[in-house]
Amino acid sequence: MKFGTQLATYVGDIQSEPKVETHIKNWIDSNTLFVDQRYVWRVGLTTAEEILRIESQIRQDLQCKHWKYWRVENFNDAMRLIREFNKHPHIFKSVLNDYKGKGAFLFVYKTLIPNGSFFFHTLRS
């Protein structure tokens, strides 16, 4: 097999892989139960240096059910994904965002709705 053919096959394989967006949506869908509506998804953005600190902070919280992060191509793609995910009614921005660092790590976790939040009261009425 010639090098050009190998390269074309390799590039074709890369293009046929699912996008990060698809991986995130599939992971959220597979871990979402609508029976228990006490939990919401939080999505955030950070740098490579801060992702482990944020992970340890979230995992120490006993109310956190799921945690995962993905590397996105660049900051603009990550911001586009955050805007798209925020259109969903059960996905909110995380308070642990780091927009100033312009990172490319998108993290998603599932946690309990705080008792004092307005969203908690709308589910209970």
PDB file of N, CA and C in Angstrom:
ATOM      1  N   MET A   1       0.850  -1.172   0.000  1.00  0.00           N
ATOM      2  CA  MET A   1       0.000   0.000   0.000  1.00  0.00           C
ATOM      3  C   MET A   1       0.896   1.235   0.000  1.00  0.00           C
ATOM      4  N   LYS A   2       0.586   2.172  -0.843  1.00  0.00           N
ATOM      5  CA  LYS A   2       1.389   3.386  -0.929  1.00  0.00           C
ATOM      6  C   LYS A   2       1.074   4.323   0.228  1.00  0.00           C
ATOM      7  N   PHE A   3       2.025   5.229   0.508  1.00  0.00           N
ATOM      8  CA  PHE A   3       1.871   6.154   1.624  1.00  0.00           C
ATOM      9  C   PHE A   3       0.638   7.044   1.439  1.00  0.00           C
ATOM     10  N   GLY A   4       0.381   7.516   0.238  1.00  0.00           N
ATOM     11  CA  GLY A   4      -0.786   8.377  -0.025  1.00  0.00           C
ATOM     12  C   GLY A   4      -2.091   7.671   0.288  1.00  0.00           C
ATOM     13  N   THR A   5      -2.161   6.381  -0.053  1.00  0.00           N
ATOM     14  CA  THR A   5      -3.367   5.600   0.229  1.00  0.00           C
ATOM     15  C   THR A   5      -3.539   5.416   1.732  1.00  0.00           C
ATOM     16  N   GLN A   6      -2.432   5.149   2.437  1.00  0.00           N
ATOM     17  CA  GLN A   6      -2.496   4.992   3.887  1.00  0.00           C
ATOM     18  C   GLN A   6      -2.945   6.284   4.551  1.00  0.00           C
ATOM     19  N   LEU A   7      -2.400   7.396   4.074  1.00  0.00           N
ATOM     20  CA  LEU A   7      -2.762   8.688   4.642  1.00  0.00           C
ATOM     21  C   LEU A   7      -4.235   8.992   4.404  1.00  0.00           C
ATOM     22  N   ALA A   8      -4.723   8.711   3.215  1.00  0.00           N
ATOM     23  CA  ALA A   8      -6.130   8.955   2.904  1.00  0.00           C
ATOM     24  C   ALA A   8      -7.040   8.089   3.774  1.00  0.00           C
ATOM     25  N   THR A   9      -6.623   6.855   4.009  1.00  0.00           N
ATOM     26  CA  THR A   9      -7.412   5.966   4.877  1.00  0.00           C
ATOM     27  C   THR A   9      -7.419   6.496   6.306  1.00  0.00           C
ATOM     28  N   TYR A  10      -6.256   6.948   6.792  1.00  0.00           N
ATOM     29  CA  TYR A  10      -6.157   7.474   8.145  1.00  0.00           C
ATOM     30  C   TYR A  10      -7.010   8.728   8.306  1.00  0.00           C
ATOM     31  N   VAL A  11      -6.956   9.647   7.344  1.00  0.00           N
ATOM     32  CA  VAL A  11      -7.757  10.867   7.394  1.00  0.00           C
ATOM     33  C   VAL A  11      -9.236  10.528   7.318  1.00  0.00           C
ATOM     34  N   GLY A  12      -9.589   9.561   6.526  1.00  0.00           N
ATOM     35  CA  GLY A  12     -10.987   9.129   6.437  1.00  0.00           C
ATOM     36  C   GLY A  12     -11.478   8.566   7.753  1.00  0.00           C
ATOM     37  N   ASP A  13     -10.610   7.812   8.464  1.00  0.00           N
ATOM     38  CA  ASP A  13     -10.983   7.273   9.778  1.00  0.00           C
ATOM     39  C   ASP A  13     -11.198   8.385  10.788  1.00  0.00           C
ATOM     40  N   ILE A  14     -10.355   9.414  10.749  1.00  0.00           N
ATOM     41  CA  ILE A  14     -10.492  10.529  11.676  1.00  0.00           C
ATOM     42  C   ILE A  14     -11.815  11.251  11.433  1.00  0.00           C
ATOM     43  N   GLN A  15     -12.149  11.471  10.187  1.00  0.00           N
ATOM     44  CA  GLN A  15     -13.377  12.196   9.869  1.00  0.00           C
ATOM     45  C   GLN A  15     -14.616  11.383  10.192  1.00  0.00           C
ATOM     46  N   SER A  16     -14.513  10.050  10.180  1.00  0.00           N
ATOM     47  CA  SER A  16     -15.683   9.227  10.457  1.00  0.00           C
ATOM     48  C   SER A  16     -15.923   9.030  11.948  1.00  0.00           C
ATOM     49  N   GLU A  17     -14.951   9.413  12.805  1.00  0.00           N
ATOM     50  CA  GLU A  17     -15.143   9.292  14.247  1.00  0.00           C
ATOM     51  C   GLU A  17     -16.204  10.283  14.713  1.00  0.00           C
ATOM     52  N   PRO A  18     -17.006   9.886  15.682  1.00  0.00           N
ATOM     53  CA  PRO A  18     -18.023  10.818  16.183  1.00  0.00           C
ATOM     54  C   PRO A  18     -17.376  12.044  16.826  1.00  0.00           C
ATOM     55  N   LYS A  19     -18.058  13.156  16.738  1.00  0.00           N
ATOM     56  CA  LYS A  19     -17.553  14.394  17.327  1.00  0.00           C
ATOM     57  C   LYS A  19     -17.668  14.342  18.842  1.00  0.00           C
ATOM     58  N   VAL A  20     -16.935  15.223  19.483  1.00  0.00           N
ATOM     59  CA  VAL A  20     -16.985  15.317  20.943  1.00  0.00           C
ATOM     60  C   VAL A  20     -18.410  15.625  21.388  1.00  0.00           C
ATOM     61  N   GLU A  21     -19.081  16.469  20.647  1.00  0.00           N
ATOM     62  CA  GLU A  21     -20.458  16.843  20.968  1.00  0.00           C
ATOM     63  C   GLU A  21     -21.359  15.607  21.040  1.00  0.00           C
ATOM     64  N   THR A  22     -21.188  14.699  20.100  1.00  0.00           N
ATOM     65  CA  THR A  22     -21.981  13.469  20.088  1.00  0.00           C
ATOM     66  C   THR A  22     -21.651  12.597  21.294  1.00  0.00           C
ATOM     67  N   HIS A  23     -20.375  12.498  21.643  1.00  0.00           N
ATOM     68  CA  HIS A  23     -19.979  11.721  22.815  1.00  0.00           C
ATOM     69  C   HIS A  23     -20.613  12.287  24.088  1.00  0.00           C
ATOM     70  N   ILE A  24     -20.588  13.598  24.232  1.00  0.00           N
ATOM     71  CA  ILE A  24     -21.151  14.228  25.427  1.00  0.00           C
ATOM     72  C   ILE A  24     -22.651  14.002  25.497  1.00  0.00           C
ATOM     73  N   LYS A  25     -23.348  14.219  24.381  1.00  0.00           N
ATOM     74  CA  LYS A  25     -24.807  14.017  24.366  1.00  0.00           C
ATOM     75  C   LYS A  25     -25.166  12.575  24.689  1.00  0.00           C
ATOM     76  N   ASN A  26     -24.455  11.629  24.116  1.00  0.00           N
ATOM     77  CA  ASN A  26     -24.735  10.218  24.387  1.00  0.00           C
ATOM     78  C   ASN A  26     -24.478   9.869  25.844  1.00  0.00           C
ATOM     79  N   TRP A  27     -23.400  10.416  26.425  1.00  0.00           N
ATOM     80  CA  TRP A  27     -23.086  10.135  27.823  1.00  0.00           C
ATOM     81  C   TRP A  27     -24.157  10.718  28.749  1.00  0.00           C
ATOM     82  N   ILE A  28     -24.593  11.950  28.465  1.00  0.00           N
ATOM     83  CA  ILE A  28     -25.650  12.566  29.282  1.00  0.00           C
ATOM     84  C   ILE A  28     -26.943  11.784  29.145  1.00  0.00           C
ATOM     85  N   ASP A  29     -27.311  11.410  27.927  1.00  0.00           N
ATOM     86  CA  ASP A  29     -28.547  10.656  27.717  1.00  0.00           C
ATOM     87  C   ASP A  29     -28.517   9.296  28.409  1.00  0.00           C
ATOM     88  N   SER A  30     -27.374   8.641  28.400  1.00  0.00           N
ATOM     89  CA  SER A  30     -27.300   7.323  29.025  1.00  0.00           C
ATOM     90  C   SER A  30     -27.313   7.396  30.550  1.00  0.00           C
ATOM     91  N   ASN A  31     -27.006   8.549  31.118  1.00  0.00           N
ATOM     92  CA  ASN A  31     -26.975   8.700  32.571  1.00  0.00           C
ATOM     93  C   ASN A  31     -28.101   9.567  33.114  1.00  0.00           C
ATOM     94  N   THR A  32     -29.115   9.801  32.316  1.00  0.00           N
ATOM     95  CA  THR A  32     -30.237  10.634  32.741  1.00  0.00           C
ATOM     96  C   THR A  32     -31.451   9.760  33.023  1.00  0.00           C
ATOM     97  N   LEU A  33     -32.008   9.934  34.201  1.00  0.00           N
ATOM     98  CA  LEU A  33     -33.266   9.292  34.565  1.00  0.00           C
ATOM     99  C   LEU A  33     -34.267  10.391  34.878  1.00  0.00           C
ATOM    100  N   PHE A  34     -35.392  10.376  34.219  1.00  0.00           N
ATOM    101  CA  PHE A  34     -36.392  11.404  34.460  1.00  0.00           C
ATOM    102  C   PHE A  34     -37.348  11.023  35.586  1.00  0.00           C
ATOM    103  N   VAL A  35     -37.160   9.844  36.167  1.00  0.00           N
ATOM    104  CA  VAL A  35     -37.998   9.425  37.290  1.00  0.00           C
ATOM    105  C   VAL A  35     -37.678  10.273  38.516  1.00  0.00           C
ATOM    106  N   ASP A  36     -36.398  10.472  38.779  1.00  0.00           N
ATOM    107  CA  ASP A  36     -35.960  11.252  39.933  1.00  0.00           C
ATOM    108  C   ASP A  36     -35.495  12.615  39.442  1.00  0.00           C
ATOM    109  N   GLN A  37     -36.301  13.634  39.642  1.00  0.00           N
ATOM    110  CA  GLN A  37     -36.006  14.952  39.099  1.00  0.00           C
ATOM    111  C   GLN A  37     -35.306  15.856  40.110  1.00  0.00           C
ATOM    112  N   ARG A  38     -34.614  15.278  41.061  1.00  0.00           N
ATOM    113  CA  ARG A  38     -33.879  16.105  42.023  1.00  0.00           C
ATOM    114  C   ARG A  38     -32.500  16.478  41.512  1.00  0.00           C
ATOM    115  N   TYR A  39     -32.084  15.921  40.383  1.00  0.00           N
ATOM    116  CA  TYR A  39     -30.737  16.135  39.874  1.00  0.00           C
ATOM    117  C   TYR A  39     -30.744  16.950  38.586  1.00  0.00           C
ATOM    118  N   VAL A  40     -29.711  17.745  38.420  1.00  0.00           N
ATOM    119  CA  VAL A  40     -29.515  18.504  37.185  1.00  0.00           C
ATOM    120  C   VAL A  40     -28.075  18.303  36.722  1.00  0.00           C
ATOM    121  N   TRP A  41     -27.863  18.566  35.466  1.00  0.00           N
ATOM    122  CA  TRP A  41     -26.534  18.502  34.886  1.00  0.00           C
ATOM    123  C   TRP A  41     -25.901  19.880  34.935  1.00  0.00           C
ATOM    124  N   ARG A  42     -24.620  19.921  35.228  1.00  0.00           N
ATOM    125  CA  ARG A  42     -23.848  21.163  35.213  1.00  0.00           C
ATOM    126  C   ARG A  42     -22.732  20.997  34.190  1.00  0.00           C
ATOM    127  N   VAL A  43     -22.514  22.029  33.395  1.00  0.00           N
ATOM    128  CA  VAL A  43     -21.476  21.999  32.376  1.00  0.00           C
ATOM    129  C   VAL A  43     -20.562  23.196  32.578  1.00  0.00           C
ATOM    130  N   GLY A  44     -19.269  22.989  32.391  1.00  0.00           N
ATOM    131  CA  GLY A  44     -18.315  24.068  32.595  1.00  0.00           C
ATOM    132  C   GLY A  44     -17.104  23.923  31.695  1.00  0.00           C
ATOM    133  N   LEU A  45     -16.267  24.928  31.747  1.00  0.00           N
ATOM    134  CA  LEU A  45     -15.098  25.016  30.889  1.00  0.00           C
ATOM    135  C   LEU A  45     -13.897  25.410  31.736  1.00  0.00           C
ATOM    136  N   THR A  46     -12.763  24.779  31.495  1.00  0.00           N
ATOM    137  CA  THR A  46     -11.562  25.105  32.250  1.00  0.00           C
ATOM    138  C   THR A  46     -10.310  24.757  31.460  1.00  0.00           C
ATOM    139  N   THR A  47      -9.170  25.030  32.051  1.00  0.00           N
ATOM    140  CA  THR A  47      -7.883  24.751  31.421  1.00  0.00           C
ATOM    141  C   THR A  47      -7.357  23.397  31.893  1.00  0.00           C
ATOM    142  N   ALA A  48      -6.294  22.932  31.257  1.00  0.00           N
ATOM    143  CA  ALA A  48      -5.693  21.651  31.629  1.00  0.00           C
ATOM    144  C   ALA A  48      -5.121  21.695  33.041  1.00  0.00           C
ATOM    145  N   GLU A  49      -4.619  22.864  33.443  1.00  0.00           N
ATOM    146  CA  GLU A  49      -4.027  22.983  34.773  1.00  0.00           C
ATOM    147  C   GLU A  49      -5.073  22.906  35.880  1.00  0.00           C
ATOM    148  N   GLU A  50      -6.280  23.320  35.614  1.00  0.00           N
ATOM    149  CA  GLU A  50      -7.326  23.402  36.638  1.00  0.00           C
ATOM    150  C   GLU A  50      -8.282  22.210  36.650  1.00  0.00           C
ATOM    151  N   ILE A  51      -8.251  21.361  35.627  1.00  0.00           N
ATOM    152  CA  ILE A  51      -9.256  20.306  35.524  1.00  0.00           C
ATOM    153  C   ILE A  51      -9.168  19.314  36.684  1.00  0.00           C
ATOM    154  N   LEU A  52      -7.976  18.977  37.135  1.00  0.00           N
ATOM    155  CA  LEU A  52      -7.847  18.024  38.245  1.00  0.00           C
ATOM    156  C   LEU A  52      -8.301  18.630  39.571  1.00  0.00           C
ATOM    157  N   ARG A  53      -8.033  19.920  39.771  1.00  0.00           N
ATOM    158  CA  ARG A  53      -8.495  20.587  40.991  1.00  0.00           C
ATOM    159  C   ARG A  53     -10.023  20.616  41.028  1.00  0.00           C
ATOM    160  N   ILE A  54     -10.638  20.925  39.896  1.00  0.00           N
ATOM    161  CA  ILE A  54     -12.103  20.979  39.819  1.00  0.00           C
ATOM    162  C   ILE A  54     -12.685  19.579  40.006  1.00  0.00           C
ATOM    163  N   GLU A  55     -12.047  18.580  39.411  1.00  0.00           N
ATOM    164  CA  GLU A  55     -12.537  17.213  39.573  1.00  0.00           C
ATOM    165  C   GLU A  55     -12.517  16.785  41.030  1.00  0.00           C
ATOM    166  N   SER A  56     -11.420  17.065  41.733  1.00  0.00           N
ATOM    167  CA  SER A  56     -11.363  16.675  43.142  1.00  0.00           C
ATOM    168  C   SER A  56     -12.385  17.436  43.972  1.00  0.00           C
ATOM    169  N   GLN A  57     -12.612  18.688  43.648  1.00  0.00           N
ATOM    170  CA  GLN A  57     -13.597  19.485  44.374  1.00  0.00           C
ATOM    171  C   GLN A  57     -15.005  18.935  44.163  1.00  0.00           C
ATOM    172  N   ILE A  58     -15.318  18.541  42.946  1.00  0.00           N
ATOM    173  CA  ILE A  58     -16.658  18.010  42.650  1.00  0.00           C
ATOM    174  C   ILE A  58     -16.824  16.604  43.210  1.00  0.00           C
ATOM    175  N   ARG A  59     -15.812  15.773  43.096  1.00  0.00           N
ATOM    176  CA  ARG A  59     -15.917  14.396  43.591  1.00  0.00           C
ATOM    177  C   ARG A  59     -15.985  14.321  45.114  1.00  0.00           C
ATOM    178  N   GLN A  60     -15.477  15.320  45.816  1.00  0.00           N
ATOM    179  CA  GLN A  60     -15.597  15.340  47.269  1.00  0.00           C
ATOM    180  C   GLN A  60     -17.022  15.639  47.700  1.00  0.00           C
ATOM    181  N   ASP A  61     -17.788  16.235  46.812  1.00  0.00           N
ATOM    182  CA  ASP A  61     -19.185  16.512  47.083  1.00  0.00           C
ATOM    183  C   ASP A  61     -19.953  15.195  46.979  1.00  0.00           C
ATOM    184  N   LEU A  62     -20.577  14.762  48.072  1.00  0.00           N
ATOM    185  CA  LEU A  62     -21.274  13.478  48.078  1.00  0.00           C
ATOM    186  C   LEU A  62     -22.530  13.476  47.214  1.00  0.00           C
ATOM    187  N   GLN A  63     -23.008  14.643  46.822  1.00  0.00           N
ATOM    188  CA  GLN A  63     -24.216  14.716  46.021  1.00  0.00           C
ATOM    189  C   GLN A  63     -23.933  14.595  44.529  1.00  0.00           C
ATOM    190  N   CYS A  64     -22.686  14.536  44.148  1.00  0.00           N
ATOM    191  CA  CYS A  64     -22.318  14.406  42.745  1.00  0.00           C
ATOM    192  C   CYS A  64     -22.498  12.950  42.310  1.00  0.00           C
ATOM    193  N   LYS A  65     -23.281  12.736  41.274  1.00  0.00           N
ATOM    194  CA  LYS A  65     -23.552  11.376  40.806  1.00  0.00           C
ATOM    195  C   LYS A  65     -22.640  10.954  39.657  1.00  0.00           C
ATOM    196  N   HIS A  66     -22.412  11.840  38.697  1.00  0.00           N
ATOM    197  CA  HIS A  66     -21.606  11.508  37.529  1.00  0.00           C
ATOM    198  C   HIS A  66     -20.640  12.648  37.237  1.00  0.00           C
ATOM    199  N   TRP A  67     -19.460  12.320  36.716  1.00  0.00           N
ATOM    200  CA  TRP A  67     -18.445  13.315  36.365  1.00  0.00           C
ATOM    201  C   TRP A  67     -17.664  12.803  35.162  1.00  0.00           C
ATOM    202  N   LYS A  68     -17.438  13.684  34.204  1.00  0.00           N
ATOM    203  CA  LYS A  68     -16.601  13.343  33.065  1.00  0.00           C
ATOM    204  C   LYS A  68     -16.160  14.626  32.384  1.00  0.00           C
ATOM    205  N   TYR A  69     -15.000  14.586  31.738  1.00  0.00           N
ATOM    206  CA  TYR A  69     -14.551  15.754  30.990  1.00  0.00           C
ATOM    207  C   TYR A  69     -13.999  15.325  29.638  1.00  0.00           C
ATOM    208  N   TRP A  70     -14.022  16.266  28.703  1.00  0.00           N
ATOM    209  CA  TRP A  70     -13.569  16.038  27.347  1.00  0.00           C
ATOM    210  C   TRP A  70     -12.668  17.177  26.902  1.00  0.00           C
ATOM    211  N   ARG A  71     -11.725  16.865  26.045  1.00  0.00           N
ATOM    212  CA  ARG A  71     -10.864  17.875  25.418  1.00  0.00           C
ATOM    213  C   ARG A  71     -11.542  18.297  24.133  1.00  0.00           C
ATOM    214  N   VAL A  72     -11.746  19.600  23.970  1.00  0.00           N
ATOM    215  CA  VAL A  72     -12.376  20.169  22.779  1.00  0.00           C
ATOM    216  C   VAL A  72     -11.275  20.823  21.946  1.00  0.00           C
ATOM    217  N   GLU A  73     -11.535  21.018  20.665  1.00  0.00           N
ATOM    218  CA  GLU A  73     -10.518  21.568  19.758  1.00  0.00           C
ATOM    219  C   GLU A  73      -9.970  22.910  20.239  1.00  0.00           C
ATOM    220  N   ASN A  74     -10.852  23.845  20.557  1.00  0.00           N
ATOM    221  CA  ASN A  74     -10.403  25.177  20.975  1.00  0.00           C
ATOM    222  C   ASN A  74     -11.460  25.831  21.856  1.00  0.00           C
ATOM    223  N   PHE A  75     -11.143  27.013  22.350  1.00  0.00           N
ATOM    224  CA  PHE A  75     -12.021  27.745  23.264  1.00  0.00           C
ATOM    225  C   PHE A  75     -13.354  28.092  22.602  1.00  0.00           C
ATOM    226  N   ASN A  76     -13.327  28.508  21.337  1.00  0.00           N
ATOM    227  CA  ASN A  76     -14.570  28.891  20.653  1.00  0.00           C
ATOM    228  C   ASN A  76     -15.529  27.706  20.500  1.00  0.00           C
ATOM    229  N   ASP A  77     -14.995  26.528  20.184  1.00  0.00           N
ATOM    230  CA  ASP A  77     -15.849  25.343  20.093  1.00  0.00           C
ATOM    231  C   ASP A  77     -16.436  24.987  21.454  1.00  0.00           C
ATOM    232  N   ALA A  78     -15.648  25.131  22.499  1.00  0.00           N
ATOM    233  CA  ALA A  78     -16.140  24.835  23.845  1.00  0.00           C
ATOM    234  C   ALA A  78     -17.264  25.796  24.239  1.00  0.00           C
ATOM    235  N   MET A  79     -17.106  27.067  23.927  1.00  0.00           N
ATOM    236  CA  MET A  79     -18.156  28.040  24.243  1.00  0.00           C
ATOM    237  C   MET A  79     -19.422  27.757  23.439  1.00  0.00           C
ATOM    238  N   ARG A  80     -19.263  27.353  22.185  1.00  0.00           N
ATOM    239  CA  ARG A  80     -20.416  26.998  21.351  1.00  0.00           C
ATOM    240  C   ARG A  80     -21.164  25.818  21.969  1.00  0.00           C
ATOM    241  N   LEU A  81     -20.428  24.816  22.440  1.00  0.00           N
ATOM    242  CA  LEU A  81     -21.064  23.657  23.060  1.00  0.00           C
ATOM    243  C   LEU A  81     -21.785  24.026  24.354  1.00  0.00           C
ATOM    244  N   ILE A  82     -21.183  24.887  25.158  1.00  0.00           N
ATOM    245  CA  ILE A  82     -21.837  25.320  26.394  1.00  0.00           C
ATOM    246  C   ILE A  82     -23.144  26.038  26.077  1.00  0.00           C
ATOM    247  N   ARG A  83     -23.115  26.921  25.087  1.00  0.00           N
ATOM    248  CA  ARG A  83     -24.352  27.624  24.701  1.00  0.00           C
ATOM    249  C   ARG A  83     -25.415  26.647  24.214  1.00  0.00           C
ATOM    250  N   GLU A  84     -24.996  25.639  23.459  1.00  0.00           N
ATOM    251  CA  GLU A  84     -25.955  24.661  22.952  1.00  0.00           C
ATOM    252  C   GLU A  84     -26.543  23.811  24.076  1.00  0.00           C
ATOM    253  N   PHE A  85     -25.690  23.372  24.997  1.00  0.00           N
ATOM    254  CA  PHE A  85     -26.174  22.547  26.107  1.00  0.00           C
ATOM    255  C   PHE A  85     -27.069  23.340  27.056  1.00  0.00           C
ATOM    256  N   ASN A  86     -26.845  24.626  27.194  1.00  0.00           N
ATOM    257  CA  ASN A  86     -27.675  25.435  28.087  1.00  0.00           C
ATOM    258  C   ASN A  86     -29.091  25.625  27.570  1.00  0.00           C
ATOM    259  N   LYS A  87     -29.346  25.296  26.336  1.00  0.00           N
ATOM    260  CA  LYS A  87     -30.696  25.365  25.791  1.00  0.00           C
ATOM    261  C   LYS A  87     -31.565  24.225  26.311  1.00  0.00           C
ATOM    262  N   HIS A  88     -30.949  23.175  26.810  1.00  0.00           N
ATOM    263  CA  HIS A  88     -31.683  22.044  27.377  1.00  0.00           C
ATOM    264  C   HIS A  88     -32.185  22.427  28.765  1.00  0.00           C
ATOM    265  N   PRO A  89     -33.394  22.039  29.127  1.00  0.00           N
ATOM    266  CA  PRO A  89     -33.971  22.499  30.409  1.00  0.00           C
ATOM    267  C   PRO A  89     -33.308  21.962  31.672  1.00  0.00           C
ATOM    268  N   HIS A  90     -32.553  20.878  31.592  1.00  0.00           N
ATOM    269  CA  HIS A  90     -31.942  20.319  32.804  1.00  0.00           C
ATOM    270  C   HIS A  90     -30.423  20.425  32.806  1.00  0.00           C
ATOM    271  N   ILE A  91     -29.856  21.272  31.957  1.00  0.00           N
ATOM    272  CA  ILE A  91     -28.411  21.476  31.925  1.00  0.00           C
ATOM    273  C   ILE A  91     -28.125  22.943  32.216  1.00  0.00           C
ATOM    274  N   PHE A  92     -27.290  23.189  33.236  1.00  0.00           N
ATOM    275  CA  PHE A  92     -26.972  24.546  33.660  1.00  0.00           C
ATOM    276  C   PHE A  92     -25.466  24.759  33.666  1.00  0.00           C
ATOM    277  N   LYS A  93     -25.053  26.004  33.629  1.00  0.00           N
ATOM    278  CA  LYS A  93     -23.632  26.330  33.731  1.00  0.00           C
ATOM    279  C   LYS A  93     -23.145  26.038  35.144  1.00  0.00           C
ATOM    280  N   SER A  94     -21.942  25.560  35.229  1.00  0.00           N
ATOM    281  CA  SER A  94     -21.328  25.293  36.516  1.00  0.00           C
ATOM    282  C   SER A  94     -20.764  26.578  37.097  1.00  0.00           C
ATOM    283  N   VAL A  95     -20.766  26.674  38.408  1.00  0.00           N
ATOM    284  CA  VAL A  95     -20.165  27.833  39.072  1.00  0.00           C
ATOM    285  C   VAL A  95     -18.642  27.732  39.074  1.00  0.00           C
ATOM    286  N   LEU A  96     -18.096  26.599  38.669  1.00  0.00           N
ATOM    287  CA  LEU A  96     -16.657  26.379  38.672  1.00  0.00           C
ATOM    288  C   LEU A  96     -16.008  26.669  37.315  1.00  0.00           C
ATOM    289  N   ASN A  97     -16.673  27.430  36.474  1.00  0.00           N
ATOM    290  CA  ASN A  97     -16.140  27.780  35.154  1.00  0.00           C
ATOM    291  C   ASN A  97     -14.873  28.608  35.275  1.00  0.00           C
ATOM    292  N   ASP A  98     -14.022  28.494  34.265  1.00  0.00           N
ATOM    293  CA  ASP A  98     -12.805  29.302  34.191  1.00  0.00           C
ATOM    294  C   ASP A  98     -12.708  29.864  32.768  1.00  0.00           C
ATOM    295  N   TYR A  99     -13.498  30.900  32.494  1.00  0.00           N
ATOM    296  CA  TYR A  99     -13.511  31.491  31.156  1.00  0.00           C
ATOM    297  C   TYR A  99     -12.258  32.318  30.890  1.00  0.00           C
ATOM    298  N   LYS A 100     -11.672  32.889  31.921  1.00  0.00           N
ATOM    299  CA  LYS A 100     -10.503  33.760  31.742  1.00  0.00           C
ATOM    300  C   LYS A 100      -9.303  32.996  31.194  1.00  0.00           C
ATOM    301  N   GLY A 101      -9.181  31.731  31.566  1.00  0.00           N
ATOM    302  CA  GLY A 101      -8.063  30.926  31.098  1.00  0.00           C
ATOM    303  C   GLY A 101      -8.199  30.488  29.651  1.00  0.00           C
ATOM    304  N   LYS A 102      -9.397  30.645  29.088  1.00  0.00           N
ATOM    305  CA  LYS A 102      -9.694  30.234  27.706  1.00  0.00           C
ATOM    306  C   LYS A 102      -9.236  28.799  27.459  1.00  0.00           C
ATOM    307  N   GLY A 103      -9.640  27.929  28.349  1.00  0.00           N
ATOM    308  CA  GLY A 103      -9.261  26.523  28.240  1.00  0.00           C
ATOM    309  C   GLY A 103     -10.091  25.783  27.219  1.00  0.00           C
ATOM    310  N   ALA A 104      -9.732  24.539  27.020  1.00  0.00           N
ATOM    311  CA  ALA A 104     -10.423  23.713  26.038  1.00  0.00           C
ATOM    312  C   ALA A 104     -10.897  22.394  26.651  1.00  0.00           C
ATOM    313  N   PHE A 105     -11.065  22.358  27.965  1.00  0.00           N
ATOM    314  CA  PHE A 105     -11.583  21.165  28.626  1.00  0.00           C
ATOM    315  C   PHE A 105     -13.011  21.442  29.086  1.00  0.00           C
ATOM    316  N   LEU A 106     -13.937  20.664  28.562  1.00  0.00           N
ATOM    317  CA  LEU A 106     -15.346  20.808  28.895  1.00  0.00           C
ATOM    318  C   LEU A 106     -15.693  19.705  29.895  1.00  0.00           C
ATOM    319  N   PHE A 107     -16.202  20.080  31.064  1.00  0.00           N
ATOM    320  CA  PHE A 107     -16.556  19.078  32.065  1.00  0.00           C
ATOM    321  C   PHE A 107     -18.057  19.109  32.306  1.00  0.00           C
ATOM    322  N   VAL A 108     -18.591  17.914  32.607  1.00  0.00           N
ATOM    323  CA  VAL A 108     -20.019  17.747  32.843  1.00  0.00           C
ATOM    324  C   VAL A 108     -20.180  16.886  34.084  1.00  0.00           C
ATOM    325  N   TYR A 109     -21.076  17.303  34.965  1.00  0.00           N
ATOM    326  CA  TYR A 109     -21.364  16.490  36.145  1.00  0.00           C
ATOM    327  C   TYR A 109     -22.829  16.641  36.517  1.00  0.00           C
ATOM    328  N   LYS A 110     -23.314  15.648  37.260  1.00  0.00           N
ATOM    329  CA  LYS A 110     -24.715  15.624  37.683  1.00  0.00           C
ATOM    330  C   LYS A 110     -24.749  15.771  39.191  1.00  0.00           C
ATOM    331  N   THR A 111     -25.563  16.710  39.672  1.00  0.00           N
ATOM    332  CA  THR A 111     -25.617  16.977  41.099  1.00  0.00           C
ATOM    333  C   THR A 111     -27.055  17.318  41.509  1.00  0.00           C
ATOM    334  N   LEU A 112     -27.278  17.322  42.813  1.00  0.00           N
ATOM    335  CA  LEU A 112     -28.599  17.675  43.344  1.00  0.00           C
ATOM    336  C   LEU A 112     -28.904  19.149  43.116  1.00  0.00           C
ATOM    337  N   ILE A 113     -30.161  19.459  42.958  1.00  0.00           N
ATOM    338  CA  ILE A 113     -30.596  20.849  42.861  1.00  0.00           C
ATOM    339  C   ILE A 113     -30.539  21.439  44.268  1.00  0.00           C
ATOM    340  N   PRO A 114     -29.919  22.606  44.443  1.00  0.00           N
ATOM    341  CA  PRO A 114     -29.898  23.223  45.779  1.00  0.00           C
ATOM    342  C   PRO A 114     -31.322  23.534  46.258  1.00  0.00           C
ATOM    343  N   ASN A 115     -31.574  23.304  47.548  1.00  0.00           N
ATOM    344  CA  ASN A 115     -32.917  23.497  48.100  1.00  0.00           C
ATOM    345  C   ASN A 115     -33.423  24.923  47.976  1.00  0.00           C
ATOM    346  N   GLY A 116     -32.572  25.898  48.040  1.00  0.00           N
ATOM    347  CA  GLY A 116     -33.007  27.291  47.993  1.00  0.00           C
ATOM    348  C   GLY A 116     -33.181  27.854  46.595  1.00  0.00           C
ATOM    349  N   SER A 117     -32.888  27.078  45.567  1.00  0.00           N
ATOM    350  CA  SER A 117     -32.964  27.622  44.212  1.00  0.00           C
ATOM    351  C   SER A 117     -34.412  27.688  43.726  1.00  0.00           C
ATOM    352  N   PHE A 118     -34.658  28.601  42.803  1.00  0.00           N
ATOM    353  CA  PHE A 118     -35.992  28.767  42.236  1.00  0.00           C
ATOM    354  C   PHE A 118     -36.402  27.522  41.460  1.00  0.00           C
ATOM    355  N   PHE A 119     -35.451  26.902  40.766  1.00  0.00           N
ATOM    356  CA  PHE A 119     -35.751  25.706  39.989  1.00  0.00           C
ATOM    357  C   PHE A 119     -36.235  24.563  40.875  1.00  0.00           C
ATOM    358  N   PHE A 120     -35.683  24.440  42.082  1.00  0.00           N
ATOM    359  CA  PHE A 120     -36.116  23.409  43.026  1.00  0.00           C
ATOM    360  C   PHE A 120     -37.588  23.601  43.369  1.00  0.00           C
ATOM    361  N   HIS A 121     -38.016  24.855  43.577  1.00  0.00           N
ATOM    362  CA  HIS A 121     -39.403  25.121  43.947  1.00  0.00           C
ATOM    363  C   HIS A 121     -40.358  24.900  42.789  1.00  0.00           C
ATOM    364  N   THR A 122     -39.914  25.129  41.557  1.00  0.00           N
ATOM    365  CA  THR A 122     -40.809  24.909  40.424  1.00  0.00           C
ATOM    366  C   THR A 122     -41.058  23.427  40.200  1.00  0.00           C
ATOM    367  N   LEU A 123     -40.097  22.572  40.531  1.00  0.00           N
ATOM    368  CA  LEU A 123     -40.327  21.142  40.402  1.00  0.00           C
ATOM    369  C   LEU A 123     -41.264  20.623  41.472  1.00  0.00           C
ATOM    370  N   ARG A 124     -41.298  21.264  42.621  1.00  0.00           N
ATOM    371  CA  ARG A 124     -42.103  20.796  43.740  1.00  0.00           C
ATOM    372  C   ARG A 124     -43.527  21.361  43.761  1.00  0.00           C
ATOM    373  N   SER A 125     -43.839  22.304  42.873  1.00  0.00           N
ATOM    374  CA  SER A 125     -45.188  22.893  42.920  1.00  0.00           C
ATOM    375  C   SER A 125     -46.134  22.249  41.930  1.00  0.00           C
TER     376      SER A 125
END
